[in-house]
C-alpha cells in the first residue's frame, strides 16, 4: 500500500517545517479517495528540535474539520530538523495508533526528504510513497 500525496501538500509540509526551525513541526494529513489532499498544521507544544507534542485542542479541532469536510485522518507528520526521515526510538515508542501512517520529513539537505511508515507495537514498516502532480 503506497501513501499517495500531492506535490502541493508535500511542499506545504516542507514550508511548515522550515518555518518552525530549529524546532520540529507537526500536524495531521487528511485523505480523500486514498490520496492525501490536505494538511493541518498543529502547534508543537514542546517547542523542541528533537521532540513534539501536539496541542490536544488543535487535534480535536482538526479532526472535527476533517469529518465536516468528508475527509479521513490518514497520517501524522512531523519534521526532523537535523536527522534523516526515519523513526527515532521515541517516535516508535510513542506511535500508539497502528491504523495511522507516520510521515517523517527531514529538513537535512541532500537526504530523502519524506518517508512514510506504519508502526505497530515497535515494528516499523516503510511504505512506498507516490507523489502526484
C-alpha atoms as a PDB file:
ATOM      1  CA  UNK A   1       0.000   0.000   0.000  1.00  0.00           C
ATOM      2  CA  UNK A   2       1.622   3.230  -1.156  1.00  0.00           C
ATOM      3  CA  UNK A   3       0.943   6.547   0.511  1.00  0.00           C
ATOM      4  CA  UNK A   4      -0.342   8.874  -2.201  1.00  0.00           C
ATOM      5  CA  UNK A   5       0.298  12.574  -1.607  1.00  0.00           C
ATOM      6  CA  UNK A   6       0.104  15.620  -3.848  1.00  0.00           C
ATOM      7  CA  UNK A   7       3.210  17.699  -4.536  1.00  0.00           C
ATOM      8  CA  UNK A   8       1.303  20.742  -3.247  1.00  0.00           C
ATOM      9  CA  UNK A   9       0.813  19.117   0.172  1.00  0.00           C
ATOM     10  CA  UNK A  10       4.399  17.898   0.265  1.00  0.00           C
ATOM     11  CA  UNK A  11       5.607  21.451  -0.445  1.00  0.00           C
ATOM     12  CA  UNK A  12       3.332  22.835   2.283  1.00  0.00           C
ATOM     13  CA  UNK A  13       4.710  20.388   4.847  1.00  0.00           C
ATOM     14  CA  UNK A  14       8.293  21.295   3.921  1.00  0.00           C
ATOM     15  CA  UNK A  15       7.428  25.006   4.223  1.00  0.00           C
ATOM     16  CA  UNK A  16       5.838  24.385   7.626  1.00  0.00           C
ATOM     17  CA  UNK A  17       8.985  22.586   8.753  1.00  0.00           C
ATOM     18  CA  UNK A  18      11.266  25.386   7.579  1.00  0.00           C
ATOM     19  CA  UNK A  19       9.094  27.986   9.319  1.00  0.00           C
ATOM     20  CA  UNK A  20       9.322  26.133  12.644  1.00  0.00           C
ATOM     21  CA  UNK A  21      13.101  25.701  12.639  1.00  0.00           C
ATOM     22  CA  UNK A  22      15.006  24.968  14.783  1.00  0.00           C
ATOM     23  CA  UNK A  23      12.083  23.014  16.304  1.00  0.00           C
ATOM     24  CA  UNK A  24      10.129  20.067  14.964  1.00  0.00           C
ATOM     25  CA  UNK A  25       6.886  20.869  13.177  1.00  0.00           C
ATOM     26  CA  UNK A  26       3.896  18.529  13.429  1.00  0.00           C
ATOM     27  CA  UNK A  27       0.413  18.027  12.076  1.00  0.00           C
ATOM     28  CA  UNK A  28      -2.180  15.760  10.514  1.00  0.00           C
ATOM     29  CA  UNK A  29      -2.657  14.685   6.925  1.00  0.00           C
ATOM     30  CA  UNK A  30      -6.154  14.082   5.609  1.00  0.00           C
ATOM     31  CA  UNK A  31      -7.151  11.990   2.620  1.00  0.00           C
ATOM     32  CA  UNK A  32      -9.999  11.648   0.213  1.00  0.00           C
ATOM     33  CA  UNK A  33     -10.318   8.650  -2.082  1.00  0.00           C
ATOM     34  CA  UNK A  34      -6.964   7.346  -0.835  1.00  0.00           C
ATOM     35  CA  UNK A  35      -4.962  10.496  -1.662  1.00  0.00           C
ATOM     36  CA  UNK A  36      -3.528  12.920   0.908  1.00  0.00           C
ATOM     37  CA  UNK A  37      -5.192  16.169  -0.098  1.00  0.00           C
ATOM     38  CA  UNK A  38      -4.957  18.418   2.958  1.00  0.00           C
ATOM     39  CA  UNK A  39      -2.601  19.099   5.819  1.00  0.00           C
ATOM     40  CA  UNK A  40      -3.405  20.531   9.228  1.00  0.00           C
ATOM     41  CA  UNK A  41      -0.541  22.353  10.897  1.00  0.00           C
ATOM     42  CA  UNK A  42      -0.564  21.893  14.666  1.00  0.00           C
ATOM     43  CA  UNK A  43       1.447  23.539  17.412  1.00  0.00           C
ATOM     44  CA  UNK A  44       4.412  21.644  18.816  1.00  0.00           C
ATOM     45  CA  UNK A  45       3.751  22.371  22.485  1.00  0.00           C
ATOM     46  CA  UNK A  46       7.286  21.227  23.370  1.00  0.00           C
ATOM     47  CA  UNK A  47       8.908  23.782  21.020  1.00  0.00           C
ATOM     48  CA  UNK A  48      11.894  21.425  20.780  1.00  0.00           C
ATOM     49  CA  UNK A  49      14.223  20.357  17.941  1.00  0.00           C
ATOM     50  CA  UNK A  50      14.071  16.671  18.900  1.00  0.00           C
ATOM     51  CA  UNK A  51      10.543  16.106  20.217  1.00  0.00           C
ATOM     52  CA  UNK A  52       6.960  17.131  19.585  1.00  0.00           C
ATOM     53  CA  UNK A  53       3.685  17.067  21.444  1.00  0.00           C
ATOM     54  CA  UNK A  54       0.549  18.115  19.593  1.00  0.00           C
ATOM     55  CA  UNK A  55      -1.864  20.548  21.205  1.00  0.00           C
ATOM     56  CA  UNK A  56      -4.933  18.437  22.143  1.00  0.00           C
ATOM     57  CA  UNK A  57      -7.435  21.242  21.454  1.00  0.00           C
ATOM     58  CA  UNK A  58      -5.948  21.708  17.983  1.00  0.00           C
ATOM     59  CA  UNK A  59      -6.034  17.945  17.398  1.00  0.00           C
ATOM     60  CA  UNK A  60      -9.749  17.765  18.178  1.00  0.00           C
ATOM     61  CA  UNK A  61     -10.484  20.831  16.040  1.00  0.00           C
ATOM     62  CA  UNK A  62      -8.578  19.331  13.092  1.00  0.00           C
ATOM     63  CA  UNK A  63     -10.415  16.009  13.392  1.00  0.00           C
ATOM     64  CA  UNK A  64     -13.777  17.802  13.560  1.00  0.00           C
ATOM     65  CA  UNK A  65     -12.879  19.845  10.462  1.00  0.00           C
ATOM     66  CA  UNK A  66     -11.802  16.733   8.557  1.00  0.00           C
ATOM     67  CA  UNK A  67     -15.053  14.976   9.374  1.00  0.00           C
ATOM     68  CA  UNK A  68     -17.093  18.057   8.424  1.00  0.00           C
ATOM     69  CA  UNK A  69     -15.276  18.195   5.081  1.00  0.00           C
ATOM     70  CA  UNK A  70     -15.750  14.464   4.383  1.00  0.00           C
ATOM     71  CA  UNK A  71     -12.048  13.678   4.770  1.00  0.00           C
ATOM     72  CA  UNK A  72     -10.328  10.838   6.612  1.00  0.00           C
ATOM     73  CA  UNK A  73      -7.458  11.128   9.068  1.00  0.00           C
ATOM     74  CA  UNK A  74      -4.678   9.357   7.199  1.00  0.00           C
ATOM     75  CA  UNK A  75      -1.408  10.284   8.858  1.00  0.00           C
ATOM     76  CA  UNK A  76       0.503  12.167  11.495  1.00  0.00           C
ATOM     77  CA  UNK A  77       3.508  14.076  10.234  1.00  0.00           C
ATOM     78  CA  UNK A  78       6.466  15.668  11.906  1.00  0.00           C
ATOM     79  CA  UNK A  79       9.814  17.027  10.853  1.00  0.00           C
ATOM     80  CA  UNK A  80      13.332  16.078  11.795  1.00  0.00           C
ATOM     81  CA  UNK A  81      15.353  19.311  11.590  1.00  0.00           C
ATOM     82  CA  UNK A  82      18.766  17.644  11.888  1.00  0.00           C
ATOM     83  CA  UNK A  83      18.289  13.924  11.203  1.00  0.00           C
ATOM     84  CA  UNK A  84      17.103  11.715   8.323  1.00  0.00           C
ATOM     85  CA  UNK A  85      13.447  10.859   7.713  1.00  0.00           C
ATOM     86  CA  UNK A  86      13.329   7.691   9.802  1.00  0.00           C
ATOM     87  CA  UNK A  87      11.587   6.991  13.101  1.00  0.00           C
ATOM     88  CA  UNK A  88      13.633   7.653  16.210  1.00  0.00           C
ATOM     89  CA  UNK A  89      13.346   5.300  19.181  1.00  0.00           C
ATOM     90  CA  UNK A  90      10.985   7.833  20.751  1.00  0.00           C
ATOM     91  CA  UNK A  91       8.875   8.018  17.556  1.00  0.00           C
ATOM     92  CA  UNK A  92       8.453   4.234  17.649  1.00  0.00           C
ATOM     93  CA  UNK A  93       7.684   4.192  21.381  1.00  0.00           C
ATOM     94  CA  UNK A  94       5.039   6.927  21.044  1.00  0.00           C
ATOM     95  CA  UNK A  95       3.322   5.523  17.925  1.00  0.00           C
ATOM     96  CA  UNK A  96       0.120   4.292  19.571  1.00  0.00           C
ATOM     97  CA  UNK A  97      -2.237   4.036  16.588  1.00  0.00           C
ATOM     98  CA  UNK A  98      -1.379   1.199  14.172  1.00  0.00           C
ATOM     99  CA  UNK A  99      -4.149   2.440  11.858  1.00  0.00           C
ATOM    100  CA  UNK A 100      -2.300   5.676  11.093  1.00  0.00           C
ATOM    101  CA  UNK A 101       0.608   6.281   8.789  1.00  0.00           C
ATOM    102  CA  UNK A 102       3.522   8.155  10.328  1.00  0.00           C
ATOM    103  CA  UNK A 103       5.136  10.595   7.908  1.00  0.00           C
ATOM    104  CA  UNK A 104       8.566  11.944   8.775  1.00  0.00           C
ATOM    105  CA  UNK A 105      10.059  14.865   6.892  1.00  0.00           C
ATOM    106  CA  UNK A 106      13.795  15.531   7.063  1.00  0.00           C
ATOM    107  CA  UNK A 107      14.991  19.102   6.675  1.00  0.00           C
ATOM    108  CA  UNK A 108      18.606  17.984   6.195  1.00  0.00           C
ATOM    109  CA  UNK A 109      19.870  18.998   2.734  1.00  0.00           C
ATOM    110  CA  UNK A 110      20.796  16.133   0.433  1.00  0.00           C
ATOM    111  CA  UNK A 111      18.730  13.370   2.064  1.00  0.00           C
ATOM    112  CA  UNK A 112      15.415  11.810   1.028  1.00  0.00           C
ATOM    113  CA  UNK A 113      13.081  14.462   2.468  1.00  0.00           C
ATOM    114  CA  UNK A 114       9.927  12.470   3.155  1.00  0.00           C
ATOM    115  CA  UNK A 115       9.200   8.907   4.149  1.00  0.00           C
ATOM    116  CA  UNK A 116       6.097   7.142   5.390  1.00  0.00           C
ATOM    117  CA  UNK A 117       5.876   4.313   7.907  1.00  0.00           C
ATOM    118  CA  UNK A 118       3.406   2.010   9.584  1.00  0.00           C
ATOM    119  CA  UNK A 119       4.368   1.420  13.190  1.00  0.00           C
ATOM    120  CA  UNK A 120       2.675  -1.295  15.232  1.00  0.00           C
ATOM    121  CA  UNK A 121       3.916  -2.332  18.677  1.00  0.00           C
ATOM    122  CA  UNK A 122       7.512  -1.482  17.870  1.00  0.00           C
ATOM    123  CA  UNK A 123       7.522  -2.963  14.364  1.00  0.00           C
ATOM    124  CA  UNK A 124       8.339  -0.375  11.699  1.00  0.00           C
ATOM    125  CA  UNK A 125       7.458  -0.916   8.038  1.00  0.00           C
ATOM    126  CA  UNK A 126       8.448   1.644   5.411  1.00  0.00           C
ATOM    127  CA  UNK A 127       5.665   2.397   2.933  1.00  0.00           C
ATOM    128  CA  UNK A 128       6.186   3.335  -0.691  1.00  0.00           C
ATOM    129  CA  UNK A 129       5.428   6.980  -1.399  1.00  0.00           C
ATOM    130  CA  UNK A 130       3.687   8.146  -4.562  1.00  0.00           C
ATOM    131  CA  UNK A 131       3.878  11.896  -5.195  1.00  0.00           C
ATOM    132  CA  UNK A 132       1.132  13.117  -7.500  1.00  0.00           C
ATOM    133  CA  UNK A 133       1.071  16.333  -9.515  1.00  0.00           C
END
